[in-house]
Every structure is written in structure tokens, then in C-alpha cells.
Amino acid sequence: MQRDPRQRDERYLAYIRTLPCCICGDNTSTEAAHLRVGLISASTPKRATGMGEKSSDKWALPLCSRHHREQHRMNELEFWASYGINPFELAISLRRPA
């Protein structure tokens, strides 16, 4: 299966970095955290990305540096579930009109 080319959007990432962390609300060190896991559904067509590959920027979420590190240290679906967040719905809701 051929990979889709990564879509980059530096303006969108800059916007994400202006938001508070979606877990703790900290807004002093917000980073754009890309979702790596996938979920293929009619409303959320997000494929998983492999090692050394980042998701398209439209799948970035605002996390403080502490939570961004935590996201990378554990199973990503378990990470989001432990905070009661559906990351796919959140990513879609944060997208602003072009």
C-alpha cells in the first residue's frame, strides 16, 4: 500500500502552538503533537503512521512538553483514553476554515 504524502501546514502548527495544552490547560510550553495512531471511519479517515514518519499537520494537537513526552512513552490510544479525550474528534474540531 502506497503512503499518502504528508501534508505540511506551518501556519496551522503555529496556531496549534498558541492554544493551551488540551489535557492540563498549561499555555507556557505548548507543542504541536502529531497523532501517530490511525482510525479509519467515515468521519475520521486517519491512517496510522510508522517509525520515522509523521502524520499530516492537520492531525496535530496542543500538548505541553510534559504531556507530549508522555504521549510518546506509552501506547497512544491508552494515553488519550486515560484522559477521556477522543484525539481524532478533537483534531477535527480544531481545524479552522482555510
PDB file of N, CA and C in Angstrom:
ATOM      1  N   MET A   1       0.845  -1.185   0.000  1.00  0.00           N
ATOM      2  CA  MET A   1       0.000   0.000   0.000  1.00  0.00           C
ATOM      3  C   MET A   1       0.887   1.244   0.000  1.00  0.00           C
ATOM      4  N   GLN A   2       0.640   2.139  -0.921  1.00  0.00           N
ATOM      5  CA  GLN A   2       1.435   3.347  -1.034  1.00  0.00           C
ATOM      6  C   GLN A   2       1.006   4.374   0.012  1.00  0.00           C
ATOM      7  N   ARG A   3       1.990   5.028   0.584  1.00  0.00           N
ATOM      8  CA  ARG A   3       1.709   6.048   1.594  1.00  0.00           C
ATOM      9  C   ARG A   3       1.221   7.324   0.941  1.00  0.00           C
ATOM     10  N   ASP A   4       0.322   7.997   1.628  1.00  0.00           N
ATOM     11  CA  ASP A   4      -0.104   9.317   1.175  1.00  0.00           C
ATOM     12  C   ASP A   4       1.005  10.300   1.533  1.00  0.00           C
ATOM     13  N   PRO A   5       1.251  11.285   0.677  1.00  0.00           N
ATOM     14  CA  PRO A   5       2.275  12.268   1.037  1.00  0.00           C
ATOM     15  C   PRO A   5       1.835  13.075   2.253  1.00  0.00           C
ATOM     16  N   ARG A   6       2.790  13.372   3.117  1.00  0.00           N
ATOM     17  CA  ARG A   6       2.492  14.158   4.318  1.00  0.00           C
ATOM     18  C   ARG A   6       2.125  15.575   3.909  1.00  0.00           C
ATOM     19  N   GLN A   7       1.039  16.064   4.457  1.00  0.00           N
ATOM     20  CA  GLN A   7       0.615  17.436   4.192  1.00  0.00           C
ATOM     21  C   GLN A   7       1.146  18.324   5.307  1.00  0.00           C
ATOM     22  N   ARG A   8       1.929  19.308   4.926  1.00  0.00           N
ATOM     23  CA  ARG A   8       2.516  20.229   5.902  1.00  0.00           C
ATOM     24  C   ARG A   8       1.783  21.567   5.869  1.00  0.00           C
ATOM     25  N   ASP A   9       1.642  22.158   7.037  1.00  0.00           N
ATOM     26  CA  ASP A   9       0.964  23.451   7.144  1.00  0.00           C
ATOM     27  C   ASP A   9       1.543  24.188   8.348  1.00  0.00           C
ATOM     28  N   GLU A  10       2.600  24.931   8.109  1.00  0.00           N
ATOM     29  CA  GLU A  10       3.306  25.624   9.190  1.00  0.00           C
ATOM     30  C   GLU A  10       2.411  26.650   9.884  1.00  0.00           C
ATOM     31  N   ARG A  11       1.523  27.291   9.146  1.00  0.00           N
ATOM     32  CA  ARG A  11       0.594  28.252   9.768  1.00  0.00           C
ATOM     33  C   ARG A  11      -0.340  27.547  10.745  1.00  0.00           C
ATOM     34  N   TYR A  12      -0.806  26.366  10.382  1.00  0.00           N
ATOM     35  CA  TYR A  12      -1.691  25.614  11.270  1.00  0.00           C
ATOM     36  C   TYR A  12      -0.940  25.174  12.526  1.00  0.00           C
ATOM     37  N   LEU A  13       0.301  24.715  12.362  1.00  0.00           N
ATOM     38  CA  LEU A  13       1.094  24.317  13.530  1.00  0.00           C
ATOM     39  C   LEU A  13       1.334  25.510  14.451  1.00  0.00           C
ATOM     40  N   ALA A  14       1.578  26.681  13.870  1.00  0.00           N
ATOM     41  CA  ALA A  14       1.760  27.887  14.685  1.00  0.00           C
ATOM     42  C   ALA A  14       0.482  28.188  15.467  1.00  0.00           C
ATOM     43  N   TYR A  15      -0.667  28.007  14.838  1.00  0.00           N
ATOM     44  CA  TYR A  15      -1.957  28.194  15.512  1.00  0.00           C
ATOM     45  C   TYR A  15      -2.105  27.204  16.671  1.00  0.00           C
ATOM     46  N   ILE A  16      -1.797  25.932  16.435  1.00  0.00           N
ATOM     47  CA  ILE A  16      -1.909  24.900  17.475  1.00  0.00           C
ATOM     48  C   ILE A  16      -1.039  25.275  18.675  1.00  0.00           C
ATOM     49  N   ARG A  17       0.152  25.814  18.417  1.00  0.00           N
ATOM     50  CA  ARG A  17       1.080  26.185  19.498  1.00  0.00           C
ATOM     51  C   ARG A  17       0.593  27.375  20.316  1.00  0.00           C
ATOM     52  N   THR A  18      -0.401  28.111  19.817  1.00  0.00           N
ATOM     53  CA  THR A  18      -0.956  29.231  20.600  1.00  0.00           C
ATOM     54  C   THR A  18      -2.027  28.768  21.581  1.00  0.00           C
ATOM     55  N   LEU A  19      -2.487  27.532  21.431  1.00  0.00           N
ATOM     56  CA  LEU A  19      -3.558  27.004  22.275  1.00  0.00           C
ATOM     57  C   LEU A  19      -2.996  26.424  23.572  1.00  0.00           C
ATOM     58  N   PRO A  20      -3.797  26.350  24.617  1.00  0.00           N
ATOM     59  CA  PRO A  20      -3.340  25.681  25.842  1.00  0.00           C
ATOM     60  C   PRO A  20      -3.302  24.169  25.638  1.00  0.00           C
ATOM     61  N   CYS A  21      -2.533  23.495  26.463  1.00  0.00           N
ATOM     62  CA  CYS A  21      -2.477  22.035  26.439  1.00  0.00           C
ATOM     63  C   CYS A  21      -3.899  21.499  26.596  1.00  0.00           C
ATOM     64  N   CYS A  22      -4.284  20.570  25.742  1.00  0.00           N
ATOM     65  CA  CYS A  22      -5.657  20.047  25.784  1.00  0.00           C
ATOM     66  C   CYS A  22      -5.885  19.107  26.965  1.00  0.00           C
ATOM     67  N   ILE A  23      -4.845  18.841  27.753  1.00  0.00           N
ATOM     68  CA  ILE A  23      -5.001  17.985  28.929  1.00  0.00           C
ATOM     69  C   ILE A  23      -4.998  18.806  30.217  1.00  0.00           C
ATOM     70  N   CYS A  24      -3.963  19.628  30.410  1.00  0.00           N
ATOM     71  CA  CYS A  24      -3.841  20.337  31.688  1.00  0.00           C
ATOM     72  C   CYS A  24      -4.135  21.834  31.601  1.00  0.00           C
ATOM     73  N   GLY A  25      -4.251  22.373  30.388  1.00  0.00           N
ATOM     74  CA  GLY A  25      -4.546  23.787  30.237  1.00  0.00           C
ATOM     75  C   GLY A  25      -3.339  24.702  30.281  1.00  0.00           C
ATOM     76  N   ASP A  26      -2.139  24.151  30.494  1.00  0.00           N
ATOM     77  CA  ASP A  26      -0.922  24.970  30.517  1.00  0.00           C
ATOM     78  C   ASP A  26      -0.727  25.614  29.147  1.00  0.00           C
ATOM     79  N   ASN A  27      -0.389  26.896  29.140  1.00  0.00           N
ATOM     80  CA  ASN A  27      -0.146  27.553  27.855  1.00  0.00           C
ATOM     81  C   ASN A  27       1.230  28.195  27.784  1.00  0.00           C
ATOM     82  N   THR A  28       2.158  27.711  28.598  1.00  0.00           N
ATOM     83  CA  THR A  28       3.507  28.274  28.579  1.00  0.00           C
ATOM     84  C   THR A  28       4.472  27.487  27.702  1.00  0.00           C
ATOM     85  N   SER A  29       4.148  26.249  27.394  1.00  0.00           N
ATOM     86  CA  SER A  29       5.088  25.427  26.615  1.00  0.00           C
ATOM     87  C   SER A  29       4.354  24.512  25.636  1.00  0.00           C
ATOM     88  N   THR A  30       3.341  25.041  24.966  1.00  0.00           N
ATOM     89  CA  THR A  30       2.531  24.208  24.079  1.00  0.00           C
ATOM     90  C   THR A  30       3.315  23.791  22.845  1.00  0.00           C
ATOM     91  N   GLU A  31       3.211  22.500  22.542  1.00  0.00           N
ATOM     92  CA  GLU A  31       3.849  21.921  21.360  1.00  0.00           C
ATOM     93  C   GLU A  31       2.769  21.313  20.476  1.00  0.00           C
ATOM     94  N   ALA A  32       3.059  21.208  19.197  1.00  0.00           N
ATOM     95  CA  ALA A  32       2.143  20.555  18.255  1.00  0.00           C
ATOM     96  C   ALA A  32       2.478  19.068  18.246  1.00  0.00           C
ATOM     97  N   ALA A  33       1.607  18.275  18.832  1.00  0.00           N
ATOM     98  CA  ALA A  33       1.820  16.827  18.944  1.00  0.00           C
ATOM     99  C   ALA A  33       1.019  16.117  17.857  1.00  0.00           C
ATOM    100  N   HIS A  34       1.720  15.411  16.980  1.00  0.00           N
ATOM    101  CA  HIS A  34       1.062  14.709  15.880  1.00  0.00           C
ATOM    102  C   HIS A  34       0.523  13.353  16.338  1.00  0.00           C
ATOM    103  N   LEU A  35      -0.700  13.031  15.936  1.00  0.00           N
ATOM    104  CA  LEU A  35      -1.266  11.707  16.196  1.00  0.00           C
ATOM    105  C   LEU A  35      -0.567  10.699  15.296  1.00  0.00           C
ATOM    106  N   ARG A  36      -0.139   9.600  15.880  1.00  0.00           N
ATOM    107  CA  ARG A  36       0.517   8.547  15.098  1.00  0.00           C
ATOM    108  C   ARG A  36      -0.422   7.391  14.811  1.00  0.00           C
ATOM    109  N   VAL A  37      -1.362   7.165  15.691  1.00  0.00           N
ATOM    110  CA  VAL A  37      -2.293   6.041  15.523  1.00  0.00           C
ATOM    111  C   VAL A  37      -3.311   6.374  14.438  1.00  0.00           C
ATOM    112  N   GLY A  38      -3.967   5.344  13.948  1.00  0.00           N
ATOM    113  CA  GLY A  38      -4.953   5.550  12.903  1.00  0.00           C
ATOM    114  C   GLY A  38      -6.337   5.100  13.322  1.00  0.00           C
ATOM    115  N   LEU A  39      -7.318   5.621  12.648  1.00  0.00           N
ATOM    116  CA  LEU A  39      -8.708   5.219  12.839  1.00  0.00           C
ATOM    117  C   LEU A  39      -9.407   5.486  11.519  1.00  0.00           C
ATOM    118  N   ILE A  40      -9.797   4.423  10.868  1.00  0.00           N
ATOM    119  CA  ILE A  40     -10.449   4.585   9.575  1.00  0.00           C
ATOM    120  C   ILE A  40     -11.958   4.457   9.770  1.00  0.00           C
ATOM    121  N   SER A  41     -12.644   5.557   9.596  1.00  0.00           N
ATOM    122  CA  SER A  41     -14.105   5.567   9.653  1.00  0.00           C
ATOM    123  C   SER A  41     -14.586   6.636   8.683  1.00  0.00           C
ATOM    124  N   ALA A  42     -15.867   6.692   8.471  1.00  0.00           N
ATOM    125  CA  ALA A  42     -16.410   7.681   7.540  1.00  0.00           C
ATOM    126  C   ALA A  42     -16.099   9.108   7.985  1.00  0.00           C
ATOM    127  N   SER A  43     -16.132   9.343   9.292  1.00  0.00           N
ATOM    128  CA  SER A  43     -15.900  10.700   9.789  1.00  0.00           C
ATOM    129  C   SER A  43     -14.443  10.973  10.139  1.00  0.00           C
ATOM    130  N   THR A  44     -13.647   9.934  10.285  1.00  0.00           N
ATOM    131  CA  THR A  44     -12.253  10.090  10.703  1.00  0.00           C
ATOM    132  C   THR A  44     -11.327   9.209   9.870  1.00  0.00           C
ATOM    133  N   PRO A  45     -11.002   9.600   8.663  1.00  0.00           N
ATOM    134  CA  PRO A  45     -10.113   8.779   7.835  1.00  0.00           C
ATOM    135  C   PRO A  45      -8.639   9.051   8.139  1.00  0.00           C
ATOM    136  N   LYS A  46      -8.154   8.572   9.259  1.00  0.00           N
ATOM    137  CA  LYS A  46      -6.762   8.797   9.680  1.00  0.00           C
ATOM    138  C   LYS A  46      -6.034   7.468   9.689  1.00  0.00           C
ATOM    139  N   ARG A  47      -5.034   7.311   8.816  1.00  0.00           N
ATOM    140  CA  ARG A  47      -4.264   6.073   8.807  1.00  0.00           C
ATOM    141  C   ARG A  47      -3.108   6.187   9.789  1.00  0.00           C
ATOM    142  N   ALA A  48      -2.653   5.044  10.270  1.00  0.00           N
ATOM    143  CA  ALA A  48      -1.520   5.022  11.200  1.00  0.00           C
ATOM    144  C   ALA A  48      -0.244   5.390  10.457  1.00  0.00           C
ATOM    145  N   THR A  49       0.692   5.989  11.179  1.00  0.00           N
ATOM    146  CA  THR A  49       1.997   6.294  10.603  1.00  0.00           C
ATOM    147  C   THR A  49       3.043   5.450  11.298  1.00  0.00           C
ATOM    148  N   GLY A  50       4.077   5.091  10.553  1.00  0.00           N
ATOM    149  CA  GLY A  50       5.108   4.216  11.084  1.00  0.00           C
ATOM    150  C   GLY A  50       6.286   4.971  11.660  1.00  0.00           C
ATOM    151  N   MET A  51       7.284   4.210  12.057  1.00  0.00           N
ATOM    152  CA  MET A  51       8.501   4.794  12.627  1.00  0.00           C
ATOM    153  C   MET A  51       9.155   5.717  11.599  1.00  0.00           C
ATOM    154  N   GLY A  52       9.604   6.853  12.051  1.00  0.00           N
ATOM    155  CA  GLY A  52      10.274   7.799  11.176  1.00  0.00           C
ATOM    156  C   GLY A  52       9.336   8.548  10.247  1.00  0.00           C
ATOM    157  N   GLU A  53       8.056   8.416  10.450  1.00  0.00           N
ATOM    158  CA  GLU A  53       7.068   9.079   9.603  1.00  0.00           C
ATOM    159  C   GLU A  53       6.115   9.859  10.497  1.00  0.00           C
ATOM    160  N   LYS A  54       5.876  11.107  10.150  1.00  0.00           N
ATOM    161  CA  LYS A  54       4.924  11.924  10.905  1.00  0.00           C
ATOM    162  C   LYS A  54       3.611  12.010  10.149  1.00  0.00           C
ATOM    163  N   SER A  55       2.553  12.173  10.905  1.00  0.00           N
ATOM    164  CA  SER A  55       1.235  12.394  10.309  1.00  0.00           C
ATOM    165  C   SER A  55       1.196  13.767   9.668  1.00  0.00           C
ATOM    166  N   SER A  56       0.210  13.968   8.829  1.00  0.00           N
ATOM    167  CA  SER A  56      -0.020  15.292   8.270  1.00  0.00           C
ATOM    168  C   SER A  56      -0.302  16.267   9.414  1.00  0.00           C
ATOM    169  N   ASP A  57       0.049  17.513   9.187  1.00  0.00           N
ATOM    170  CA  ASP A  57      -0.086  18.524  10.238  1.00  0.00           C
ATOM    171  C   ASP A  57      -1.523  18.735  10.694  1.00  0.00           C
ATOM    172  N   LYS A  58      -2.498  18.378   9.868  1.00  0.00           N
ATOM    173  CA  LYS A  58      -3.892  18.541  10.285  1.00  0.00           C
ATOM    174  C   LYS A  58      -4.249  17.628  11.454  1.00  0.00           C
ATOM    175  N   TRP A  59      -3.388  16.652  11.766  1.00  0.00           N
ATOM    176  CA  TRP A  59      -3.620  15.736  12.887  1.00  0.00           C
ATOM    177  C   TRP A  59      -2.770  16.114  14.103  1.00  0.00           C
ATOM    178  N   ALA A  60      -2.395  17.377  14.228  1.00  0.00           N
ATOM    179  CA  ALA A  60      -1.622  17.845  15.383  1.00  0.00           C
ATOM    180  C   ALA A  60      -2.564  18.376  16.460  1.00  0.00           C
ATOM    181  N   LEU A  61      -2.185  18.131  17.709  1.00  0.00           N
ATOM    182  CA  LEU A  61      -2.961  18.594  18.861  1.00  0.00           C
ATOM    183  C   LEU A  61      -2.055  19.370  19.808  1.00  0.00           C
ATOM    184  N   PRO A  62      -2.612  20.311  20.571  1.00  0.00           N
ATOM    185  CA  PRO A  62      -1.795  21.084  21.507  1.00  0.00           C
ATOM    186  C   PRO A  62      -1.539  20.321  22.808  1.00  0.00           C
ATOM    187  N   LEU A  63      -0.265  20.060  23.081  1.00  0.00           N
ATOM    188  CA  LEU A  63       0.140  19.422  24.335  1.00  0.00           C
ATOM    189  C   LEU A  63       1.305  20.196  24.923  1.00  0.00           C
ATOM    190  N   CYS A  64       1.339  20.303  26.256  1.00  0.00           N
ATOM    191  CA  CYS A  64       2.515  20.870  26.914  1.00  0.00           C
ATOM    192  C   CYS A  64       3.656  19.865  26.744  1.00  0.00           C
ATOM    193  N   SER A  65       4.871  20.289  27.007  1.00  0.00           N
ATOM    194  CA  SER A  65       6.016  19.399  26.783  1.00  0.00           C
ATOM    195  C   SER A  65       5.931  18.136  27.639  1.00  0.00           C
ATOM    196  N   ARG A  66       5.428  18.246  28.859  1.00  0.00           N
ATOM    197  CA  ARG A  66       5.320  17.066  29.734  1.00  0.00           C
ATOM    198  C   ARG A  66       4.354  16.040  29.154  1.00  0.00           C
ATOM    199  N   HIS A  67       3.181  16.484  28.722  1.00  0.00           N
ATOM    200  CA  HIS A  67       2.207  15.543  28.167  1.00  0.00           C
ATOM    201  C   HIS A  67       2.627  15.041  26.785  1.00  0.00           C
ATOM    202  N   HIS A  68       3.353  15.855  26.021  1.00  0.00           N
ATOM    203  CA  HIS A  68       3.851  15.401  24.721  1.00  0.00           C
ATOM    204  C   HIS A  68       4.846  14.250  24.918  1.00  0.00           C
ATOM    205  N   ARG A  69       5.725  14.369  25.891  1.00  0.00           N
ATOM    206  CA  ARG A  69       6.666  13.271  26.190  1.00  0.00           C
ATOM    207  C   ARG A  69       5.913  12.031  26.648  1.00  0.00           C
ATOM    208  N   GLU A  70       4.900  12.233  27.489  1.00  0.00           N
ATOM    209  CA  GLU A  70       4.100  11.104  27.969  1.00  0.00           C
ATOM    210  C   GLU A  70       3.396  10.405  26.798  1.00  0.00           C
ATOM    211  N   GLN A  71       2.892  11.176  25.856  1.00  0.00           N
ATOM    212  CA  GLN A  71       2.224  10.616  24.675  1.00  0.00           C
ATOM    213  C   GLN A  71       3.160   9.661  23.928  1.00  0.00           C
ATOM    214  N   HIS A  72       4.435  10.030  23.837  1.00  0.00           N
ATOM    215  CA  HIS A  72       5.405   9.209  23.105  1.00  0.00           C
ATOM    216  C   HIS A  72       5.910   8.016  23.910  1.00  0.00           C
ATOM    217  N   ARG A  73       5.768   8.055  25.231  1.00  0.00           N
ATOM    218  CA  ARG A  73       6.286   6.974  26.081  1.00  0.00           C
ATOM    219  C   ARG A  73       5.350   5.786  26.209  1.00  0.00           C
ATOM    220  N   MET A  74       4.091   5.954  25.889  1.00  0.00           N
ATOM    221  CA  MET A  74       3.137   4.866  26.128  1.00  0.00           C
ATOM    222  C   MET A  74       2.284   4.609  24.895  1.00  0.00           C
ATOM    223  N   ASN A  75       1.453   3.594  24.969  1.00  0.00           N
ATOM    224  CA  ASN A  75       0.510   3.307  23.897  1.00  0.00           C
ATOM    225  C   ASN A  75      -0.352   4.546  23.697  1.00  0.00           C
ATOM    226  N   GLU A  76      -0.394   5.025  22.479  1.00  0.00           N
ATOM    227  CA  GLU A  76      -1.048   6.311  22.247  1.00  0.00           C
ATOM    228  C   GLU A  76      -2.556   6.275  22.504  1.00  0.00           C
ATOM    229  N   LEU A  77      -3.223   5.215  22.094  1.00  0.00           N
ATOM    230  CA  LEU A  77      -4.662   5.141  22.369  1.00  0.00           C
ATOM    231  C   LEU A  77      -4.940   5.085  23.862  1.00  0.00           C
ATOM    232  N   GLU A  78      -4.103   4.366  24.609  1.00  0.00           N
ATOM    233  CA  GLU A  78      -4.263   4.317  26.064  1.00  0.00           C
ATOM    234  C   GLU A  78      -3.990   5.682  26.690  1.00  0.00           C
ATOM    235  N   PHE A  79      -3.002   6.392  26.151  1.00  0.00           N
ATOM    236  CA  PHE A  79      -2.693   7.736  26.639  1.00  0.00           C
ATOM    237  C   PHE A  79      -3.930   8.630  26.549  1.00  0.00           C
ATOM    238  N   TRP A  80      -4.525   8.710  25.363  1.00  0.00           N
ATOM    239  CA  TRP A  80      -5.683   9.589  25.184  1.00  0.00           C
ATOM    240  C   TRP A  80      -6.876   9.108  25.998  1.00  0.00           C
ATOM    241  N   ALA A  81      -7.086   7.799  26.046  1.00  0.00           N
ATOM    242  CA  ALA A  81      -8.214   7.248  26.807  1.00  0.00           C
ATOM    243  C   ALA A  81      -8.074   7.553  28.299  1.00  0.00           C
ATOM    244  N   SER A  82      -6.834   7.549  28.802  1.00  0.00           N
ATOM    245  CA  SER A  82      -6.629   7.809  30.231  1.00  0.00           C
ATOM    246  C   SER A  82      -7.059   9.223  30.620  1.00  0.00           C
ATOM    247  N   TYR A  83      -7.118  10.123  29.643  1.00  0.00           N
ATOM    248  CA  TYR A  83      -7.564  11.495  29.902  1.00  0.00           C
ATOM    249  C   TYR A  83      -8.984  11.742  29.388  1.00  0.00           C
ATOM    250  N   GLY A  84      -9.637  10.702  28.877  1.00  0.00           N
ATOM    251  CA  GLY A  84     -11.010  10.844  28.403  1.00  0.00           C
ATOM    252  C   GLY A  84     -11.149  11.703  27.163  1.00  0.00           C
ATOM    253  N   ILE A  85     -10.123  11.691  26.311  1.00  0.00           N
ATOM    254  CA  ILE A  85     -10.122  12.526  25.110  1.00  0.00           C
ATOM    255  C   ILE A  85     -10.151  11.646  23.870  1.00  0.00           C
ATOM    256  N   ASN A  86     -11.034  11.981  22.931  1.00  0.00           N
ATOM    257  CA  ASN A  86     -11.012  11.356  21.613  1.00  0.00           C
ATOM    258  C   ASN A  86     -10.140  12.257  20.741  1.00  0.00           C
ATOM    259  N   PRO A  87      -8.889  11.864  20.466  1.00  0.00           N
ATOM    260  CA  PRO A  87      -7.974  12.758  19.766  1.00  0.00           C
ATOM    261  C   PRO A  87      -8.379  13.033  18.325  1.00  0.00           C
ATOM    262  N   PHE A  88      -9.069  12.103  17.702  1.00  0.00           N
ATOM    263  CA  PHE A  88      -9.492  12.280  16.313  1.00  0.00           C
ATOM    264  C   PHE A  88     -10.560  13.368  16.219  1.00  0.00           C
ATOM    265  N   GLU A  89     -11.557  13.284  17.088  1.00  0.00           N
ATOM    266  CA  GLU A  89     -12.607  14.307  17.106  1.00  0.00           C
ATOM    267  C   GLU A  89     -12.038  15.667  17.485  1.00  0.00           C
ATOM    268  N   LEU A  90     -11.109  15.683  18.442  1.00  0.00           N
ATOM    269  CA  LEU A  90     -10.505  16.951  18.856  1.00  0.00           C
ATOM    270  C   LEU A  90      -9.725  17.578  17.708  1.00  0.00           C
ATOM    271  N   ALA A  91      -8.931  16.781  17.007  1.00  0.00           N
ATOM    272  CA  ALA A  91      -8.147  17.309  15.883  1.00  0.00           C
ATOM    273  C   ALA A  91      -9.060  17.894  14.812  1.00  0.00           C
ATOM    274  N   ILE A  92     -10.143  17.203  14.524  1.00  0.00           N
ATOM    275  CA  ILE A  92     -11.083  17.702  13.513  1.00  0.00           C
ATOM    276  C   ILE A  92     -11.741  18.997  13.990  1.00  0.00           C
ATOM    277  N   SER A  93     -12.094  19.067  15.270  1.00  0.00           N
ATOM    278  CA  SER A  93     -12.772  20.264  15.786  1.00  0.00           C
ATOM    279  C   SER A  93     -11.848  21.482  15.828  1.00  0.00           C
ATOM    280  N   LEU A  94     -10.545  21.268  15.925  1.00  0.00           N
ATOM    281  CA  LEU A  94      -9.605  22.387  15.996  1.00  0.00           C
ATOM    282  C   LEU A  94      -9.282  22.989  14.632  1.00  0.00           C
ATOM    283  N   ARG A  95      -9.553  22.270  13.589  1.00  0.00           N
ATOM    284  CA  ARG A  95      -9.246  22.794  12.252  1.00  0.00           C
ATOM    285  C   ARG A  95     -10.107  24.003  11.977  1.00  0.00           C
ATOM    286  N   ARG A  96      -9.468  25.012  11.511  1.00  0.00           N
ATOM    287  CA  ARG A  96     -10.215  26.226  11.193  1.00  0.00           C
ATOM    288  C   ARG A  96     -10.363  26.326   9.674  1.00  0.00           C
ATOM    289  N   PRO A  97     -11.353  27.046   9.224  1.00  0.00           N
ATOM    290  CA  PRO A  97     -11.534  27.185   7.771  1.00  0.00           C
ATOM    291  C   PRO A  97     -10.330  27.854   7.132  1.00  0.00           C
ATOM    292  N   ALA A  98      -9.989  27.394   5.949  1.00  0.00           N
ATOM    293  CA  ALA A  98      -8.820  27.952   5.230  1.00  0.00           C
ATOM    294  C   ALA A  98      -9.123  29.338   4.714  1.00  0.00           C
TER     295      ALA A  98
END
